[in-house]
C-alpha cells in the first residue's frame, strides 16, 4: 500500500533568503516572512500567527519565494525539524526548505510524515558550527506514501490524537496552577499571620535518620542495579511534576541494602 517516495517527487522544494537588514526600505512592508525562531514555541500543524513583514523591494532584493497557503514549511538549519503548514501566502529565510505539494501529497499528511522522520533528517545535517540539510539532500528524503484518500484518513487520525495530547498537557499544567492558587487562597483566607512558623526538621519524626540525603558517588554505582529484586532504589526521576512515577524500576541485593540501611525511605 505504501511506497517510499522522495520529497522532490511530491512537490516543488523552495529555499528562502533574507533581505539586507541594513536597508530600511526592505522592511515593514506587507509580505509575511518567517524564520525558525517564529516556530520555536509553536504547536500544532497549522501556522496562523503574525510575522515580521518585508516590502516588495526587499522581496525582489533576495532569492526568497512566496509560498502559497498549504505549503509545508520545514526548517533545515538552526535547528533542523521545525515544521508547519502555512495558512496564508508567506516567504521564508534561508533556514527553511519548503514544499509546495503537488497532486500526490496531502499537506497535513506530509507534515506528519516529515515530523515523524525528523530524527533521521537531523542525521543528514552537515556543518561544523551547526547541522544543515541542503536542498538536494532534502529532496532525496523518502516518505511513505499512500493513495490520497488514505493519506487524508491517516492525517485526520493523527491530528485528532495530536489535539488530545496537547489538551491533556494543558489540563495538567492548569491543574498545577489551580492547586497552587487554591492553596495560597486558603492560606491567606485563614490568616497567615496567626500561623506558627516551623522548620522542616522540627516537622520530621523524632529519631535517627528521619532526614537523609544520599547515598553518593561510589556508595552506590549504576552497575549494582538490577531489573528485579526485593529492595527498590528511588531516584530524582521517580518524582516528576509533583507526583511519583515508577519509570524503569531499579533494585539492589539484600547485602547491598544492609550496607545502605541508613538511607532507607521510611513509610509515610
Foldseek 3Di string as FASTA:
>chain_A
DWDWAFLLVFFPKFFAAFFDPVDPQFFDAPAFEDEVVVQPPDDDAADDDGGTHTHPVRVVRDRKDKAAFQKWKFFFWPNGARIHGYRGIHTYHRRTTIGNGDPQDHSLLVRVQSNVCRVVSLVCFDDDPIGGDDPVRNRGRITIGDGPVVSVVVSVVVRVVSVVVVVVVVVLVVVVVVVVVVVVVVCVVVPVVPDDDDDPVVVFDDDALSDDDDDDDPLDDPVQWDQDDDAWDDDPVQQPSNHGDCPRITGGYPVSCVVVVSNDHDDD
